[in-house]
Amino acid sequence: MAGGDIENRGGGAKSYSNSINDSSGGSFISSSTYMIDDTEPQWTSWLVPVFLVANVAVFVVVMYVNNCPKHKLVGKCVARFLGRFSFEPLRENPLFGPSSSTLKKLGALEWTKVVINHQGWRLITCIWLHAGVIHLLANMLSLIFIGIRLEQQFGFVRIGILYLVSGFGGSVLSSLFIRNNISVGASGALFGLLGAMLSELITNWTIYTNKGGWNMGTSRSGLV
């Protein structure tokens, strides 16, 4: 087994070639050579963590304003030991969160308020609100797994714009198709990031398959 590679440690294109032993003990170098460009810069992800902290902070503020024990009878709130941060009864909010009236008060998306009362700011504020702990946890885990990688690859400017524009677009669609209920959450923004990740994967599919093919080829020659 002999594998030769010429690598530029300072970045740039890397050239890989395979050498294969023959039965007489000699070796020859195969004609296939793979050129892999690794000149793309890697940014440090900081905007996505800021978005995560902002969403969590807003949820804490919402729960503080909600103050379930003040509006419910004794024993009705969930996790009452949390004081004013305790959750609404599960029959009202099974996601362990605030009441719908609190969400409306703090900027949840509601069709009548946007269209009739001209409260267009709700198209933005609803992106930062979440219906409960389960809702928040699911969205933030998705933001970490998808957003950090994209920010490292494309930078905070593109990802920040994509997040906000996708969130706004999701709010507009929600206001058009959901008229009888309120809408909150960063799902629209997350779907925008997911779409960007899938488009990047499809666009560079050939590069990924070539890398995979080269790694498989070197693994096989190592086994021989």
Protein backbone atom coordinates (compact mmCIF):
# COMPACT_ATOMS: atom_id res chain seq x y z
CA MET A 1 0.00 0.00 0.00
CA ALA A 2 1.46 3.35 -0.97
CA GLY A 3 -0.50 6.54 -1.29
CA GLY A 4 1.11 9.77 -2.30
CA ASP A 5 -0.45 13.19 -1.80
CA ILE A 6 0.87 16.65 -2.36
CA GLU A 7 -0.83 19.10 0.02
CA ASN A 8 -0.45 22.81 0.28
CA ARG A 9 -0.60 23.41 4.04
CA GLY A 10 -1.28 27.09 3.60
CA GLY A 11 -4.61 26.48 1.89
CA GLY A 12 -5.53 26.39 -1.75
CA ALA A 13 -5.90 23.46 -4.06
CA LYS A 14 -4.87 20.00 -2.94
CA SER A 15 -3.73 17.33 -5.39
CA TYR A 16 -4.19 13.65 -4.60
CA SER A 17 -2.89 10.69 -6.60
CA ASN A 18 -3.01 6.96 -5.91
CA SER A 19 -0.13 4.48 -6.35
CA ILE A 20 -0.88 0.75 -6.61
CA ASN A 21 1.50 -2.16 -6.05
CA ASP A 22 1.75 -4.75 -8.82
CA SER A 23 2.40 -8.48 -8.40
CA SER A 24 6.16 -8.20 -9.10
CA GLY A 25 6.75 -5.92 -6.18
CA GLY A 26 6.89 -2.73 -8.22
CA SER A 27 4.43 0.07 -8.18
CA PHE A 28 2.91 2.47 -10.60
CA ILE A 29 0.98 5.69 -10.18
CA SER A 30 -2.55 5.77 -11.46
CA SER A 31 -3.52 8.51 -13.86
CA SER A 32 -6.48 9.71 -11.80
CA THR A 33 -5.80 12.86 -9.84
CA TYR A 34 -8.30 14.73 -7.67
CA MET A 35 -8.11 18.47 -7.21
CA ILE A 36 -9.96 19.74 -4.15
CA ASP A 37 -10.22 23.44 -3.52
CA ASP A 38 -10.27 24.38 0.16
CA THR A 39 -9.72 28.11 -0.26
CA GLU A 40 -13.18 29.01 1.06
CA PRO A 41 -12.85 30.95 4.34
CA GLN A 42 -14.48 29.67 7.51
CA TRP A 43 -16.24 32.32 9.57
CA THR A 44 -16.71 32.13 13.31
CA SER A 45 -20.37 31.61 14.16
CA TRP A 46 -21.64 34.27 16.58
CA LEU A 47 -24.91 35.58 15.11
CA VAL A 48 -26.78 32.27 15.41
CA PRO A 49 -25.87 31.96 19.13
CA VAL A 50 -27.07 35.56 19.57
CA PHE A 51 -30.39 34.64 17.94
CA LEU A 52 -30.65 31.66 20.28
CA VAL A 53 -30.00 33.75 23.39
CA ALA A 54 -32.48 36.38 22.18
CA ASN A 55 -35.25 33.81 21.71
CA VAL A 56 -34.65 32.31 25.15
CA ALA A 57 -34.53 35.76 26.78
CA VAL A 58 -37.81 36.78 25.12
CA PHE A 59 -39.46 33.57 26.35
CA VAL A 60 -38.31 34.31 29.91
CA VAL A 61 -39.77 37.82 29.65
CA VAL A 62 -43.04 36.41 28.32
CA MET A 63 -43.30 33.97 31.23
CA TYR A 64 -42.54 36.79 33.69
CA VAL A 65 -45.32 38.91 32.23
CA ASN A 66 -47.70 35.93 32.09
CA ASN A 67 -47.55 35.36 35.87
CA CYS A 68 -49.90 32.37 35.97
CA PRO A 69 -50.41 32.26 39.78
CA LYS A 70 -51.82 35.77 39.71
CA HIS A 71 -54.57 34.87 37.25
CA LYS A 72 -55.30 31.23 38.16
CA LEU A 73 -56.69 29.57 41.23
CA VAL A 74 -54.31 27.81 43.63
CA GLY A 75 -53.04 24.50 42.22
CA LYS A 76 -54.10 25.18 38.64
CA CYS A 77 -50.74 26.27 37.26
CA VAL A 78 -48.14 23.70 36.18
CA ALA A 79 -44.82 23.71 38.09
CA ARG A 80 -46.18 26.23 40.55
CA PHE A 81 -42.91 26.14 42.51
CA LEU A 82 -41.48 28.36 39.74
CA GLY A 83 -43.61 31.21 41.02
CA ARG A 84 -44.66 33.71 38.38
CA PHE A 85 -42.70 31.69 35.82
CA SER A 86 -45.00 28.67 36.23
CA PHE A 87 -46.87 27.39 33.16
CA GLU A 88 -50.49 27.60 32.19
CA PRO A 89 -52.70 24.51 32.78
CA LEU A 90 -52.03 21.83 30.18
CA ARG A 91 -55.61 21.91 28.94
CA GLU A 92 -54.99 25.52 27.87
CA ASN A 93 -51.38 25.17 26.71
CA PRO A 94 -49.96 21.63 26.40
CA LEU A 95 -46.55 23.00 25.35
CA PHE A 96 -45.70 24.26 28.87
CA GLY A 97 -45.92 27.96 28.18
CA PRO A 98 -47.93 31.16 28.65
CA SER A 99 -51.53 31.92 27.86
CA SER A 100 -52.70 33.00 24.44
CA SER A 101 -53.79 36.37 25.86
CA THR A 102 -50.22 37.05 26.99
CA LEU A 103 -48.84 36.13 23.57
CA LYS A 104 -51.36 38.46 21.90
CA LYS A 105 -50.38 41.24 24.28
CA LEU A 106 -46.67 40.87 23.51
CA GLY A 107 -46.90 40.69 19.72
CA ALA A 108 -48.29 37.38 18.50
CA LEU A 109 -49.46 37.34 14.89
CA GLU A 110 -53.22 37.73 14.58
CA TRP A 111 -54.89 38.41 11.24
CA THR A 112 -57.50 40.86 12.50
CA LYS A 113 -54.94 42.99 14.32
CA VAL A 114 -52.61 43.12 11.31
CA VAL A 115 -55.21 43.76 8.61
CA ILE A 116 -57.93 45.67 10.43
CA ASN A 117 -55.93 47.42 13.16
CA HIS A 118 -52.87 47.92 10.93
CA GLN A 119 -50.43 46.47 13.45
CA GLY A 120 -47.87 45.37 10.88
CA TRP A 121 -45.12 45.19 13.49
CA ARG A 122 -46.59 41.87 14.57
CA LEU A 123 -45.15 40.30 11.40
CA ILE A 124 -41.71 40.76 13.01
CA THR A 125 -42.39 40.37 16.74
CA CYS A 126 -44.11 37.01 16.34
CA ILE A 127 -40.84 35.51 15.06
CA TRP A 128 -39.28 35.91 18.52
CA LEU A 129 -42.20 34.50 20.51
CA HIS A 130 -42.79 30.83 21.32
CA ALA A 131 -45.84 29.03 22.63
CA GLY A 132 -44.00 26.97 25.23
CA VAL A 133 -40.84 25.20 26.36
CA ILE A 134 -41.35 22.31 23.93
CA HIS A 135 -41.88 24.72 21.03
CA LEU A 136 -38.82 26.75 21.99
CA LEU A 137 -36.60 23.70 22.48
CA ALA A 138 -37.50 22.19 19.11
CA ASN A 139 -36.84 25.43 17.24
CA MET A 140 -33.58 26.24 19.03
CA LEU A 141 -32.14 22.77 18.45
CA SER A 142 -32.95 23.14 14.76
CA LEU A 143 -31.34 26.58 14.75
CA ILE A 144 -28.14 25.19 16.27
CA PHE A 145 -27.80 22.21 13.93
CA ILE A 146 -28.63 24.15 10.76
CA GLY A 147 -27.66 27.74 11.43
CA ILE A 148 -24.16 27.37 12.88
CA ARG A 149 -22.87 25.36 9.92
CA LEU A 150 -24.37 27.80 7.42
CA GLU A 151 -22.95 30.83 9.22
CA GLN A 152 -19.50 29.25 9.30
CA GLN A 153 -19.67 28.69 5.56
CA PHE A 154 -21.45 31.82 4.30
CA GLY A 155 -20.91 34.42 7.02
CA PHE A 156 -23.20 36.27 9.41
CA VAL A 157 -24.44 38.90 6.92
CA ARG A 158 -26.02 36.43 4.50
CA ILE A 159 -27.40 34.18 7.23
CA GLY A 160 -28.76 37.11 9.22
CA ILE A 161 -30.57 38.54 6.20
CA LEU A 162 -31.85 35.10 5.21
CA TYR A 163 -33.15 34.43 8.74
CA LEU A 164 -35.03 37.72 9.01
CA VAL A 165 -36.41 37.71 5.46
CA SER A 166 -37.56 34.09 5.76
CA GLY A 167 -39.16 34.80 9.13
CA PHE A 168 -41.01 37.80 7.69
CA GLY A 169 -42.15 35.77 4.68
CA GLY A 170 -43.40 33.01 6.95
CA SER A 171 -45.36 35.57 8.96
CA VAL A 172 -46.98 36.95 5.81
CA LEU A 173 -48.04 33.47 4.70
CA SER A 174 -49.35 32.69 8.19
CA SER A 175 -51.45 35.85 8.21
CA LEU A 176 -52.92 34.87 4.84
CA PHE A 177 -53.82 31.27 5.66
CA ILE A 178 -54.27 31.27 9.45
CA ARG A 179 -57.05 33.69 10.32
CA ASN A 180 -58.80 32.08 13.28
CA ASN A 181 -55.77 31.46 15.51
CA ILE A 182 -52.68 33.32 16.61
CA SER A 183 -49.26 32.41 15.21
CA VAL A 184 -45.86 32.56 16.93
CA GLY A 185 -42.44 31.01 16.46
CA ALA A 186 -39.30 31.06 14.32
CA SER A 187 -40.41 28.20 12.09
CA GLY A 188 -40.52 30.36 8.95
CA ALA A 189 -36.96 31.57 9.53
CA LEU A 190 -35.76 28.02 10.18
CA PHE A 191 -37.37 26.73 7.00
CA GLY A 192 -35.50 29.45 5.13
CA LEU A 193 -32.19 28.22 6.59
CA LEU A 194 -33.13 24.63 5.81
CA GLY A 195 -33.90 25.56 2.21
CA ALA A 196 -30.51 27.28 1.93
CA MET A 197 -28.75 24.20 3.28
CA LEU A 198 -30.56 21.89 0.84
CA SER A 199 -29.87 24.18 -2.14
CA GLU A 200 -26.18 24.30 -1.22
CA LEU A 201 -26.09 20.53 -0.96
CA ILE A 202 -27.77 20.04 -4.34
CA THR A 203 -25.59 22.66 -6.03
CA ASN A 204 -22.33 21.12 -4.75
CA TRP A 205 -23.47 17.51 -4.93
CA THR A 206 -20.77 16.64 -7.49
CA ILE A 207 -18.03 17.97 -5.22
CA TYR A 208 -19.27 15.93 -2.27
CA THR A 209 -19.56 12.74 -4.32
CA ASN A 210 -16.04 13.21 -5.73
CA LYS A 211 -14.64 13.62 -2.23
CA GLY A 212 -16.53 10.54 -1.10
CA GLY A 213 -15.30 8.58 -4.10
CA TRP A 214 -11.69 9.53 -3.43
CA ASN A 215 -11.95 8.61 0.26
CA MET A 216 -13.50 5.25 -0.65
CA GLY A 217 -10.74 4.64 -3.19
CA THR A 218 -7.95 5.31 -0.71
CA SER A 219 -9.67 3.14 1.91
CA ARG A 220 -9.85 0.23 -0.49
CA SER A 221 -6.18 0.56 -1.53
CA GLY A 222 -5.24 0.64 2.15
CA LEU A 223 -7.05 -2.61 2.78
CA VAL A 224 -5.17 -4.26 -0.11
